Amino acid sequence: MSNHTQEVNQQAQSLKGKEETKHSPDAPKKVSRSKRRQPSKPAGFKKFEALAKEIVEGNGGSYYEWLHKQHQEIILNFNVHNQKQITEVAKQS
């Protein structure tokens, strides 16, 4: 065998070994990180969240139920505002 052929065979075996290692159950797993940056909370967010929680719960309500209703209101208003676009997309589907 020529030196070039031996080099090619060694490279192929090396790549094959790397592929087997990649898929073997004992191979170390890489931690995947989100490529998108998480939006940071505004300054004072925790303080205002705690105050809102105290106010809502002080009035006998559930903070998370109130928050859920706020989320629903945003979605419903968004849907009403964009109803024409939503209808067109639905018709195309």
Protein backbone atom coordinates (compact mmCIF):
# COMPACT_ATOMS: atom_id res chain seq x y z
CA MET A 1 0.00 0.00 0.00
CA SER A 2 1.20 3.49 -0.71
CA ASN A 3 1.66 6.05 2.05
CA HIS A 4 -1.24 8.07 0.68
CA THR A 5 -3.59 5.07 0.80
CA GLN A 6 -2.52 4.30 4.36
CA GLU A 7 -3.14 7.91 5.40
CA VAL A 8 -6.62 7.86 3.84
CA ASN A 9 -7.43 4.57 5.60
CA GLN A 10 -6.21 5.96 8.95
CA GLN A 11 -8.31 9.09 8.52
CA ALA A 12 -11.37 7.00 7.65
CA GLN A 13 -10.87 4.79 10.71
CA SER A 14 -10.36 7.86 12.88
CA LEU A 15 -13.59 9.41 11.62
CA LYS A 16 -15.43 6.11 12.09
CA GLY A 17 -14.18 5.89 15.67
CA LYS A 18 -15.34 9.44 16.36
CA GLU A 19 -18.80 8.68 14.94
CA GLU A 20 -19.11 5.56 17.08
CA THR A 21 -18.06 7.52 20.17
CA LYS A 22 -20.61 10.20 19.36
CA HIS A 23 -23.47 7.70 19.31
CA SER A 24 -22.36 5.38 22.08
CA PRO A 25 -24.30 5.50 25.35
CA ASP A 26 -21.05 6.10 27.29
CA ALA A 27 -20.14 9.17 25.24
CA PRO A 28 -20.19 12.40 27.21
CA LYS A 29 -23.27 14.43 26.41
CA LYS A 30 -22.86 18.01 25.33
CA VAL A 31 -25.04 20.51 27.07
CA SER A 32 -27.11 22.33 24.50
CA ARG A 33 -27.50 26.00 25.15
CA SER A 34 -30.23 28.14 23.79
CA LYS A 35 -28.88 30.37 21.08
CA ARG A 36 -31.54 32.94 21.78
CA ARG A 37 -30.81 35.27 24.61
CA GLN A 38 -33.42 35.27 27.32
CA PRO A 39 -35.00 38.69 27.79
CA SER A 40 -34.02 40.20 31.10
CA LYS A 41 -36.62 41.41 33.54
CA PRO A 42 -36.81 45.18 33.94
CA ALA A 43 -35.18 46.82 36.95
CA GLY A 44 -37.45 46.55 39.98
CA PHE A 45 -39.55 43.76 38.47
CA LYS A 46 -39.34 41.47 41.51
CA LYS A 47 -40.28 44.33 43.84
CA PHE A 48 -43.37 45.29 41.83
CA GLU A 49 -44.32 41.66 41.33
CA ALA A 50 -44.23 41.14 45.10
CA LEU A 51 -46.29 44.28 45.69
CA ALA A 52 -48.90 43.28 43.09
CA LYS A 53 -49.07 39.83 44.64
CA GLU A 54 -49.68 41.34 48.10
CA ILE A 55 -52.39 43.67 46.79
CA VAL A 56 -54.28 40.98 44.89
CA GLU A 57 -54.02 38.44 47.69
CA GLY A 58 -54.86 41.14 50.26
CA ASN A 59 -58.15 41.64 48.42
CA GLY A 60 -58.89 37.92 48.70
CA GLY A 61 -57.85 36.95 45.19
CA SER A 62 -55.24 34.68 43.72
CA TYR A 63 -52.29 36.46 42.13
CA TYR A 64 -51.77 33.68 39.60
CA GLU A 65 -55.45 33.60 38.67
CA TRP A 66 -55.33 37.39 38.18
CA LEU A 67 -52.17 37.06 36.10
CA HIS A 68 -53.77 34.34 34.00
CA LYS A 69 -56.76 36.62 33.30
CA GLN A 70 -54.35 39.39 32.25
CA HIS A 71 -52.70 37.01 29.82
CA GLN A 72 -56.06 35.92 28.42
CA GLU A 73 -57.12 39.54 27.95
CA ILE A 74 -53.95 40.31 25.98
CA ILE A 75 -54.52 37.29 23.74
CA LEU A 76 -58.20 38.03 23.18
CA ASN A 77 -57.53 41.69 22.38
CA PHE A 78 -54.75 40.68 20.01
CA ASN A 79 -57.03 38.18 18.29
CA VAL A 80 -59.85 40.72 17.92
CA HIS A 81 -57.44 43.34 16.62
CA ASN A 82 -56.01 40.90 14.06
CA GLN A 83 -59.22 39.02 13.29
CA LYS A 84 -59.08 39.81 9.56
CA GLN A 85 -55.54 38.44 9.23
CA ILE A 86 -56.40 35.38 11.33
CA THR A 87 -59.46 34.70 9.16
CA GLU A 88 -57.38 34.95 5.97
CA VAL A 89 -54.71 32.59 7.33
CA ALA A 90 -57.40 30.14 8.46
CA LYS A 91 -58.99 30.17 5.01
CA GLN A 92 -55.63 29.47 3.37
CA SER A 93 -54.95 26.48 5.63
